[in-house]
Each structure stands twice: as structure tokens, then as C-alpha cells.
Amino acid sequence: MSTVVLPGSFDPFTLGHLDLTRRAVALGHHVIIAVSHNPSKKGLLDLETRTSTIGAVARADGLGDAVEVRTLPAGLLVDFCREVGADAVVRGLRSQLDLAYEEPMARMNQHLAGTDTVFLLTDSTYSHISSSLVREVHSLGGDVSDMLPPASLDALRAAAPVS
């Protein structure tokens, strides 16, 4: 079994993220979900909440020992990959816009450390879901329950109750 890193801010962890994790595990990978703080994004859930919530989602989904959740330290992703013995980075692509954003980073990771990136196309069921849209819809009183695993929905409601 190879080890791959699935990095992201996961604020919150959506059903699209869960699907990507399941598919990486089904390909025979041990998946390290690396939860990061992205200073260019306005976050809602703190790192500890996101990390513990993702762990709860993975356990509830029966992913067991195939998934590990860790906080991504500051620094280069390739250094973290080297530290954990990862063979590759896994990223989901919802559209060509995602590829345009992800491709330069994948090429830089390959250049810096020989770290490959495996792209998985998002299941069309989830291609409209992004954490930022989920946060926005929730903040405006919309129902996001069909976009999040139960533990993520609970964390979102606790952090940002809608009146």
C-alpha cells in the first residue's frame, strides 16, 4: 500500500472531500488528510475542529486505518510528503478551472522534490460543492445538509449558527 497526502483547508469537510478520500483508499492508498490553514481564505472552523471532525467522519465511514488526519505544518507540502513517506499528492478536479489552478503547483512539487500529483475527477454528484460555497449558503440560512457528512454539519452549525 502506498501513502498519499490529500491536502486542503477542508473548512468544512464536504461530501466531495469524503468521496475523494474513499476513492483514494479504494485505489490501494493509505491516505493522510493534511489539514492546512490557508491565509488567503477567510476561514470559519479552527484547525483543531477541522482535524477532529475529519477524523470523526473517517471513523463513521469505516475508513479505519486507511486514513490518518494530521495538521499540515507551515512550509512546503513536499517537505511534509517527504517526512511522512508519501509517494504522491492527491487532488480532486471539479472543472478545467481547478486544473488551471492545480497544474502549476503539481509541476512545482515535481520540480522541487520529484513528488507526483494524482488528479481524480470529482464525481459529478459533488462537482458543484465547495467549502466556501457551503459556508456562504449556510451563512445566508440555506440548507447544506445534503453537502456535508453529519459530523461536518454539526461542526458548521456549532461554529456559525443561523438565526
N, C-alpha and C. Protein backbone atom coordinates (compact mmCIF):
# COMPACT_ATOMS: atom_id res chain seq x y z
N MET A 1 0.84 -1.18 0.00
CA MET A 1 0.00 0.00 0.00
C MET A 1 0.89 1.24 0.00
N SER A 2 0.62 2.16 -0.91
CA SER A 2 1.37 3.40 -0.94
C SER A 2 0.67 4.45 -0.08
N THR A 3 1.44 5.44 0.30
CA THR A 3 0.90 6.54 1.10
C THR A 3 0.77 7.76 0.22
N VAL A 4 -0.39 8.41 0.29
CA VAL A 4 -0.62 9.65 -0.44
C VAL A 4 -1.11 10.70 0.54
N VAL A 5 -0.87 11.95 0.19
CA VAL A 5 -1.32 13.07 1.00
C VAL A 5 -2.43 13.78 0.25
N LEU A 6 -3.53 13.99 0.95
CA LEU A 6 -4.66 14.76 0.43
C LEU A 6 -4.69 16.07 1.22
N PRO A 7 -4.10 17.15 0.67
CA PRO A 7 -4.02 18.41 1.41
C PRO A 7 -5.23 19.29 1.13
N GLY A 8 -5.54 20.13 2.09
CA GLY A 8 -6.60 21.11 1.88
C GLY A 8 -6.95 21.82 3.16
N SER A 9 -7.76 22.86 3.02
CA SER A 9 -8.21 23.56 4.22
C SER A 9 -9.45 22.89 4.81
N PHE A 10 -10.27 22.25 3.99
CA PHE A 10 -11.41 21.45 4.46
C PHE A 10 -12.26 22.21 5.49
N ASP A 11 -12.70 23.40 5.11
CA ASP A 11 -13.40 24.28 6.03
C ASP A 11 -14.80 24.61 5.52
N PRO A 12 -15.74 23.67 5.60
CA PRO A 12 -15.73 22.36 6.24
C PRO A 12 -15.41 21.23 5.25
N PHE A 13 -15.24 20.03 5.80
CA PHE A 13 -15.00 18.80 5.04
C PHE A 13 -16.34 18.38 4.42
N THR A 14 -16.41 18.35 3.09
CA THR A 14 -17.67 18.11 2.39
C THR A 14 -17.80 16.65 1.94
N LEU A 15 -18.97 16.33 1.40
CA LEU A 15 -19.16 15.00 0.81
C LEU A 15 -18.25 14.79 -0.39
N GLY A 16 -17.90 15.86 -1.09
CA GLY A 16 -16.94 15.75 -2.18
C GLY A 16 -15.56 15.33 -1.67
N HIS A 17 -15.14 15.92 -0.55
CA HIS A 17 -13.86 15.53 0.07
C HIS A 17 -13.91 14.07 0.51
N LEU A 18 -15.03 13.67 1.09
CA LEU A 18 -15.18 12.29 1.55
C LEU A 18 -15.12 11.33 0.37
N ASP A 19 -15.79 11.66 -0.72
CA ASP A 19 -15.76 10.82 -1.91
C ASP A 19 -14.34 10.68 -2.44
N LEU A 20 -13.61 11.77 -2.48
CA LEU A 20 -12.22 11.74 -2.95
C LEU A 20 -11.37 10.85 -2.05
N THR A 21 -11.59 10.95 -0.75
CA THR A 21 -10.85 10.11 0.21
C THR A 21 -11.17 8.64 -0.01
N ARG A 22 -12.44 8.31 -0.13
CA ARG A 22 -12.86 6.91 -0.37
C ARG A 22 -12.22 6.36 -1.64
N ARG A 23 -12.21 7.17 -2.69
CA ARG A 23 -11.66 6.70 -3.96
C ARG A 23 -10.15 6.50 -3.89
N ALA A 24 -9.46 7.36 -3.16
CA ALA A 24 -8.01 7.18 -3.00
C ALA A 24 -7.73 5.90 -2.21
N VAL A 25 -8.53 5.65 -1.18
CA VAL A 25 -8.38 4.41 -0.40
C VAL A 25 -8.67 3.19 -1.29
N ALA A 26 -9.72 3.28 -2.11
CA ALA A 26 -10.09 2.16 -2.99
C ALA A 26 -9.00 1.85 -4.01
N LEU A 27 -8.18 2.84 -4.34
CA LEU A 27 -7.06 2.62 -5.25
C LEU A 27 -5.87 1.95 -4.55
N GLY A 28 -6.03 1.68 -3.26
CA GLY A 28 -5.00 0.98 -2.51
C GLY A 28 -4.05 1.87 -1.75
N HIS A 29 -4.49 3.07 -1.48
CA HIS A 29 -3.62 4.02 -0.81
C HIS A 29 -3.96 4.18 0.67
N HIS A 30 -2.91 4.40 1.46
CA HIS A 30 -3.07 4.93 2.81
C HIS A 30 -3.12 6.44 2.62
N VAL A 31 -4.20 7.08 3.07
CA VAL A 31 -4.41 8.50 2.81
C VAL A 31 -4.15 9.30 4.08
N ILE A 32 -3.25 10.25 3.97
CA ILE A 32 -3.04 11.21 5.05
C ILE A 32 -3.75 12.49 4.63
N ILE A 33 -4.81 12.81 5.33
CA ILE A 33 -5.52 14.06 5.08
C ILE A 33 -4.77 15.14 5.85
N ALA A 34 -4.17 16.06 5.11
CA ALA A 34 -3.34 17.11 5.70
C ALA A 34 -4.13 18.41 5.74
N VAL A 35 -4.57 18.77 6.92
CA VAL A 35 -5.43 19.94 7.11
C VAL A 35 -4.55 21.17 7.28
N SER A 36 -4.79 22.15 6.42
CA SER A 36 -3.93 23.34 6.43
C SER A 36 -4.72 24.60 6.75
N HIS A 37 -3.97 25.60 7.15
CA HIS A 37 -4.52 26.94 7.30
C HIS A 37 -4.12 27.70 6.06
N ASN A 38 -5.09 28.20 5.32
CA ASN A 38 -4.81 28.98 4.12
C ASN A 38 -5.04 30.45 4.44
N PRO A 39 -3.97 31.23 4.58
CA PRO A 39 -4.13 32.63 4.96
C PRO A 39 -4.88 33.46 3.92
N SER A 40 -4.97 32.97 2.68
CA SER A 40 -5.69 33.73 1.65
C SER A 40 -7.19 33.46 1.67
N LYS A 41 -7.63 32.53 2.53
CA LYS A 41 -9.06 32.23 2.65
C LYS A 41 -9.56 32.68 4.02
N LYS A 42 -10.77 33.19 4.03
CA LYS A 42 -11.39 33.56 5.30
C LYS A 42 -12.01 32.30 5.89
N GLY A 43 -11.36 31.76 6.90
CA GLY A 43 -11.81 30.50 7.49
C GLY A 43 -12.91 30.68 8.51
N LEU A 44 -13.57 29.58 8.83
CA LEU A 44 -14.62 29.58 9.84
C LEU A 44 -14.25 28.66 10.99
N LEU A 45 -13.90 27.41 10.66
CA LEU A 45 -13.57 26.42 11.68
C LEU A 45 -12.07 26.45 11.97
N ASP A 46 -11.71 26.36 13.25
CA ASP A 46 -10.29 26.34 13.57
C ASP A 46 -9.68 24.99 13.18
N LEU A 47 -8.35 24.95 13.13
CA LEU A 47 -7.64 23.74 12.70
C LEU A 47 -8.00 22.52 13.54
N GLU A 48 -8.06 22.70 14.85
CA GLU A 48 -8.36 21.58 15.74
C GLU A 48 -9.76 21.01 15.46
N THR A 49 -10.72 21.89 15.25
CA THR A 49 -12.09 21.44 14.95
C THR A 49 -12.13 20.70 13.63
N ARG A 50 -11.47 21.25 12.61
CA ARG A 50 -11.47 20.59 11.30
C ARG A 50 -10.80 19.22 11.38
N THR A 51 -9.67 19.16 12.06
CA THR A 51 -8.94 17.89 12.17
C THR A 51 -9.76 16.85 12.91
N SER A 52 -10.34 17.20 14.04
CA SER A 52 -11.12 16.22 14.81
C SER A 52 -12.40 15.83 14.08
N THR A 53 -13.01 16.78 13.38
CA THR A 53 -14.22 16.47 12.62
C THR A 53 -13.93 15.50 11.48
N ILE A 54 -12.85 15.73 10.77
CA ILE A 54 -12.49 14.83 9.66
C ILE A 54 -12.20 13.43 10.20
N GLY A 55 -11.51 13.35 11.33
CA GLY A 55 -11.27 12.04 11.96
C GLY A 55 -12.57 11.35 12.29
N ALA A 56 -13.54 12.09 12.82
CA ALA A 56 -14.85 11.51 13.16
C ALA A 56 -15.57 11.04 11.90
N VAL A 57 -15.49 11.81 10.83
CA VAL A 57 -16.12 11.42 9.57
C VAL A 57 -15.48 10.13 9.04
N ALA A 58 -14.16 10.05 9.06
CA ALA A 58 -13.46 8.86 8.56
C ALA A 58 -13.83 7.62 9.36
N ARG A 59 -13.90 7.76 10.68
CA ARG A 59 -14.29 6.63 11.53
C ARG A 59 -15.72 6.20 11.26
N ALA A 60 -16.62 7.17 11.16
CA ALA A 60 -18.04 6.87 10.91
C ALA A 60 -18.23 6.21 9.55
N ASP A 61 -17.36 6.53 8.61
CA ASP A 61 -17.45 5.98 7.26
C ASP A 61 -16.77 4.62 7.14
N GLY A 62 -16.13 4.16 8.22
CA GLY A 62 -15.47 2.86 8.19
C GLY A 62 -14.14 2.84 7.48
N LEU A 63 -13.51 4.00 7.35
CA LEU A 63 -12.23 4.05 6.65
C LEU A 63 -11.06 3.60 7.52
N GLY A 64 -11.28 3.57 8.82
CA GLY A 64 -10.34 2.98 9.77
C GLY A 64 -8.90 3.36 9.57
N ASP A 65 -8.02 2.35 9.55
CA ASP A 65 -6.58 2.56 9.48
C ASP A 65 -6.10 3.07 8.13
N ALA A 66 -6.97 3.09 7.12
CA ALA A 66 -6.57 3.54 5.79
C ALA A 66 -6.43 5.05 5.72
N VAL A 67 -6.98 5.75 6.72
CA VAL A 67 -6.96 7.22 6.70
C VAL A 67 -6.37 7.74 8.00
N GLU A 68 -5.51 8.71 7.87
CA GLU A 68 -4.91 9.40 9.01
C GLU A 68 -5.13 10.89 8.78
N VAL A 69 -5.47 11.60 9.83
CA VAL A 69 -5.71 13.04 9.71
C VAL A 69 -4.64 13.77 10.52
N ARG A 70 -3.97 14.71 9.85
CA ARG A 70 -2.91 15.47 10.51
C ARG A 70 -3.01 16.93 10.12
N THR A 71 -2.47 17.78 10.96
CA THR A 71 -2.36 19.19 10.64
C THR A 71 -1.11 19.39 9.80
N LEU A 72 -1.26 20.11 8.71
CA LEU A 72 -0.13 20.39 7.83
C LEU A 72 0.67 21.54 8.42
N PRO A 73 1.93 21.29 8.76
CA PRO A 73 2.74 22.38 9.32
C PRO A 73 3.06 23.43 8.25
N ALA A 74 3.43 24.61 8.72
CA ALA A 74 3.86 25.66 7.79
C ALA A 74 5.07 25.15 7.02
N GLY A 75 5.17 25.56 5.79
CA GLY A 75 6.29 25.14 4.96
C GLY A 75 5.80 24.50 3.69
N LEU A 76 6.71 23.85 3.01
CA LEU A 76 6.41 23.26 1.72
C LEU A 76 5.68 21.92 1.88
N LEU A 77 4.68 21.72 1.05
CA LEU A 77 3.95 20.45 1.04
C LEU A 77 4.89 19.29 0.75
N VAL A 78 5.85 19.48 -0.13
CA VAL A 78 6.77 18.39 -0.48
C VAL A 78 7.63 17.97 0.71
N ASP A 79 7.93 18.92 1.60
CA ASP A 79 8.68 18.56 2.80
C ASP A 79 7.84 17.67 3.71
N PHE A 80 6.56 18.00 3.84
CA PHE A 80 5.65 17.16 4.62
C PHE A 80 5.53 15.78 3.98
N CYS A 81 5.41 15.72 2.67
CA CYS A 81 5.32 14.44 1.96
C CYS A 81 6.56 13.58 2.23
N ARG A 82 7.72 14.21 2.19
CA ARG A 82 8.96 13.51 2.46
C ARG A 82 8.97 12.99 3.90
N GLU A 83 8.53 13.83 4.84
CA GLU A 83 8.51 13.48 6.26
C GLU A 83 7.61 12.26 6.54
N VAL A 84 6.47 12.18 5.87
CA VAL A 84 5.53 11.09 6.13
C VAL A 84 5.71 9.92 5.17
N GLY A 85 6.67 10.03 4.26
CA GLY A 85 6.94 8.94 3.32
C GLY A 85 5.87 8.79 2.25
N ALA A 86 5.27 9.89 1.86
CA ALA A 86 4.21 9.84 0.85
C ALA A 86 4.80 9.68 -0.55
N ASP A 87 4.11 8.89 -1.34
CA ASP A 87 4.52 8.67 -2.73
C ASP A 87 3.96 9.74 -3.67
N ALA A 88 2.84 10.35 -3.27
CA ALA A 88 2.19 11.31 -4.15
C ALA A 88 1.21 12.17 -3.37
N VAL A 89 0.78 13.23 -4.03
CA VAL A 89 -0.28 14.10 -3.55
C VAL A 89 -1.52 13.76 -4.36
N VAL A 90 -2.67 13.74 -3.72
CA VAL A 90 -3.94 13.52 -4.42
C VAL A 90 -4.74 14.82 -4.39
N ARG A 91 -5.25 15.19 -5.56
CA ARG A 91 -6.08 16.39 -5.65
C ARG A 91 -7.31 16.05 -6.50
N GLY A 92 -8.44 16.63 -6.12
CA GLY A 92 -9.66 16.47 -6.90
C GLY A 92 -9.83 17.63 -7.86
N LEU A 93 -10.38 17.32 -9.02
CA LEU A 93 -10.63 18.35 -10.03
C LEU A 93 -12.12 18.39 -10.33
N ARG A 94 -12.74 19.54 -10.09
CA ARG A 94 -14.16 19.72 -10.40
C ARG A 94 -14.35 20.24 -11.81
N SER A 95 -13.37 20.98 -12.31
CA SER A 95 -13.52 21.62 -13.62
C SER A 95 -12.14 21.96 -14.19
N GLN A 96 -12.16 22.52 -15.39
CA GLN A 96 -10.91 22.96 -16.00
C GLN A 96 -10.28 24.09 -15.20
N LEU A 97 -11.09 24.87 -14.52
CA LEU A 97 -10.54 25.94 -13.68
C LEU A 97 -9.69 25.36 -12.56
N ASP A 98 -10.15 24.25 -11.97
CA ASP A 98 -9.35 23.60 -10.93
C ASP A 98 -8.02 23.11 -11.50
N LEU A 99 -8.06 22.53 -12.70
CA LEU A 99 -6.82 22.06 -13.32
C LEU A 99 -5.87 23.23 -13.56
N ALA A 100 -6.39 24.35 -14.04
CA ALA A 100 -5.54 25.52 -14.29
C ALA A 100 -4.89 26.00 -12.99
N TYR A 101 -5.60 25.89 -11.88
CA TYR A 101 -5.06 26.29 -10.58
C TYR A 101 -4.05 25.26 -10.05
N GLU A 102 -4.38 23.98 -10.20
CA GLU A 102 -3.58 22.90 -9.60
C GLU A 102 -2.33 22.54 -10.40
N GLU A 103 -2.38 22.67 -11.72
CA GLU A 103 -1.26 22.21 -12.55
C GLU A 103 0.08 22.86 -12.21
N PRO A 104 0.16 24.19 -12.07
CA PRO A 104 1.46 24.78 -11.73
C PRO A 104 2.01 24.28 -10.40
N MET A 105 1.13 24.09 -9.42
CA MET A 105 1.59 23.58 -8.12
C MET A 105 2.11 22.15 -8.27
N ALA A 106 1.41 21.33 -9.04
CA ALA A 106 1.85 19.95 -9.26
C ALA A 106 3.21 19.93 -9.95
N ARG A 107 3.38 20.79 -10.92
CA ARG A 107 4.67 20.85 -11.63
C ARG A 107 5.78 21.33 -10.70
N MET A 108 5.47 22.28 -9.83
CA MET A 108 6.48 22.77 -8.89
C MET A 108 6.85 21.67 -7.89
N ASN A 109 5.87 20.93 -7.38
CA ASN A 109 6.16 19.83 -6.45
C ASN A 109 7.03 18.77 -7.12
N GLN A 110 6.77 18.51 -8.40
CA GLN A 110 7.59 17.56 -9.16
C GLN A 110 9.00 18.11 -9.32
N HIS A 111 9.11 19.37 -9.61
CA HIS A 111 10.41 20.01 -9.80
C HIS A 111 11.23 20.04 -8.51
N LEU A 112 10.59 20.43 -7.42
CA LEU A 112 11.30 20.59 -6.15
C LEU A 112 11.74 19.28 -5.53
N ALA A 113 10.88 18.25 -5.62
CA ALA A 113 11.18 17.04 -4.86
C ALA A 113 10.82 15.74 -5.59
N GLY A 114 10.42 15.85 -6.84
CA GLY A 114 10.03 14.64 -7.55
C GLY A 114 8.70 14.07 -7.05
N THR A 115 7.92 14.88 -6.37
CA THR A 115 6.64 14.42 -5.83
C THR A 115 5.56 14.54 -6.89
N ASP A 116 4.97 13.41 -7.25
CA ASP A 116 3.91 13.40 -8.24
C ASP A 116 2.58 13.80 -7.63
N THR A 117 1.69 14.29 -8.47
CA THR A 117 0.32 14.60 -8.08
C THR A 117 -0.61 13.72 -8.88
N VAL A 118 -1.53 13.07 -8.20
CA VAL A 118 -2.55 12.24 -8.84
C VAL A 118 -3.84 13.05 -8.82
N PHE A 119 -4.39 13.31 -10.00
CA PHE A 119 -5.64 14.05 -10.10
C PHE A 119 -6.79 13.07 -10.29
N LEU A 120 -7.82 13.24 -9.49
CA LEU A 120 -9.05 12.46 -9.62
C LEU A 120 -10.18 13.41 -9.98
N LEU A 121 -10.91 13.08 -11.03
CA LEU A 121 -12.05 13.91 -11.39
C LEU A 121 -13.14 13.73 -10.36
N THR A 122 -13.69 14.84 -9.93
CA THR A 122 -14.76 14.81 -8.95
C THR A 122 -15.98 14.13 -9.54
N ASP A 123 -16.62 13.29 -8.74
CA ASP A 123 -17.89 12.70 -9.15
C ASP A 123 -18.86 13.83 -9.44
N SER A 124 -19.59 13.74 -10.55
CA SER A 124 -20.48 14.84 -10.94
C SER A 124 -21.53 15.16 -9.88
N THR A 125 -21.83 14.20 -9.02
CA THR A 125 -22.77 14.44 -7.93
C THR A 125 -22.29 15.55 -7.02
N TYR A 126 -20.97 15.71 -6.91
CA TYR A 126 -20.39 16.65 -5.96
C TYR A 126 -19.68 17.83 -6.62
N SER A 127 -19.71 17.92 -7.94
CA SER A 127 -18.88 18.90 -8.63
C SER A 127 -19.28 20.35 -8.36
N HIS A 128 -20.47 20.58 -7.87
CA HIS A 128 -20.91 21.95 -7.56
C HIS A 128 -20.59 22.37 -6.13
N ILE A 129 -20.06 21.44 -5.35
CA ILE A 129 -19.83 21.70 -3.92
C ILE A 129 -18.40 22.19 -3.69
N SER A 130 -18.30 23.29 -2.97
CA SER A 130 -17.01 23.75 -2.46
C SER A 130 -17.24 24.21 -1.03
N SER A 131 -16.21 24.13 -0.22
CA SER A 131 -16.35 24.55 1.17
C SER A 131 -16.78 26.01 1.28
N SER A 132 -16.21 26.85 0.43
CA SER A 132 -16.56 28.28 0.52
C SER A 132 -18.02 28.51 0.16
N LEU A 133 -18.54 27.80 -0.84
CA LEU A 133 -19.96 27.95 -1.17
C LEU A 133 -20.85 27.39 -0.06
N VAL A 134 -20.43 26.29 0.53
CA VAL A 134 -21.19 25.72 1.65
C VAL A 134 -21.27 26.73 2.79
N ARG A 135 -20.14 27.35 3.12
CA ARG A 135 -20.14 28.36 4.19
C ARG A 135 -21.06 29.52 3.84
N GLU A 136 -21.00 29.97 2.60
CA GLU A 136 -21.82 31.11 2.18
C GLU A 136 -23.31 30.77 2.23
N VAL A 137 -23.68 29.63 1.66
CA VAL A 137 -25.10 29.22 1.67
C VAL A 137 -25.59 29.08 3.11
N HIS A 138 -24.78 28.45 3.96
CA HIS A 138 -25.16 28.28 5.36
C HIS A 138 -25.33 29.63 6.05
N SER A 139 -24.42 30.57 5.79
CA SER A 139 -24.49 31.88 6.45
C SER A 139 -25.73 32.66 6.05
N LEU A 140 -26.27 32.34 4.90
CA LEU A 140 -27.48 33.02 4.41
C LEU A 140 -28.75 32.24 4.74
N GLY A 141 -28.60 31.19 5.56
CA GLY A 141 -29.76 30.43 6.01
C GLY A 141 -30.17 29.28 5.13
N GLY A 142 -29.35 28.96 4.12
CA GLY A 142 -29.67 27.85 3.23
C GLY A 142 -29.35 26.51 3.85
N ASP A 143 -29.99 25.48 3.34
CA ASP A 143 -29.81 24.11 3.83
C ASP A 143 -28.61 23.47 3.12
N VAL A 144 -27.59 23.11 3.88
CA VAL A 144 -26.39 22.47 3.32
C VAL A 144 -26.25 21.03 3.79
N SER A 145 -27.30 20.49 4.39
CA SER A 145 -27.22 19.16 4.99
C SER A 145 -26.94 18.05 3.97
N ASP A 146 -27.28 18.27 2.70
CA ASP A 146 -27.02 17.25 1.68
C ASP A 146 -25.64 17.41 1.04
N MET A 147 -24.82 18.30 1.59
CA MET A 147 -23.48 18.54 1.05
C MET A 147 -22.38 18.16 2.03
N LEU A 148 -22.77 17.81 3.27
CA LEU A 148 -21.79 17.56 4.32
C LEU A 148 -22.08 16.26 5.05
N PRO A 149 -21.03 15.55 5.47
CA PRO A 149 -21.24 14.44 6.39
C PRO A 149 -21.79 14.99 7.71
N PRO A 150 -22.52 14.18 8.47
CA PRO A 150 -23.13 14.67 9.71
C PRO A 150 -22.18 15.38 10.67
N ALA A 151 -20.99 14.86 10.89
CA ALA A 151 -20.05 15.49 11.82
C ALA A 151 -19.63 16.88 11.33
N SER A 152 -19.47 17.04 10.02
CA SER A 152 -19.12 18.35 9.46
C SER A 152 -20.27 19.32 9.61
N LEU A 153 -21.48 18.84 9.39
CA LEU A 153 -22.65 19.69 9.54
C LEU A 153 -22.78 20.16 10.99
N ASP A 154 -22.57 19.26 11.92
CA ASP A 154 -22.62 19.63 13.35
C ASP A 154 -21.58 20.70 13.68
N ALA A 155 -20.36 20.52 13.18
CA ALA A 155 -19.28 21.49 13.45
C ALA A 155 -19.61 22.84 12.84
N LEU A 156 -20.16 22.85 11.63
CA LEU A 156 -20.52 24.10 10.97
C LEU A 156 -21.62 24.81 11.75
N ARG A 157 -22.64 24.07 12.15
CA ARG A 157 -23.75 24.67 12.90
C ARG A 157 -23.27 25.21 14.27
N ALA A 158 -22.34 24.52 14.90
CA ALA A 158 -21.83 24.98 16.19
C ALA A 158 -21.00 26.26 16.04
N ALA A 159 -20.24 26.34 14.93
CA ALA A 159 -19.36 27.49 14.73
C ALA A 159 -20.11 28.71 14.19
N ALA A 160 -21.15 28.46 13.42
CA ALA A 160 -21.88 29.56 12.79
C ALA A 160 -23.37 29.26 12.78
N PRO A 161 -24.00 29.33 13.95
CA PRO A 161 -25.44 29.09 13.99
C PRO A 161 -26.19 30.13 13.18
N VAL A 162 -27.20 29.68 12.50
CA VAL A 162 -28.02 30.58 11.70
C VAL A 162 -29.26 30.93 12.51
N SER A 163 -29.57 32.22 12.59
CA SER A 163 -30.73 32.62 13.40
C SER A 163 -32.02 32.54 12.62
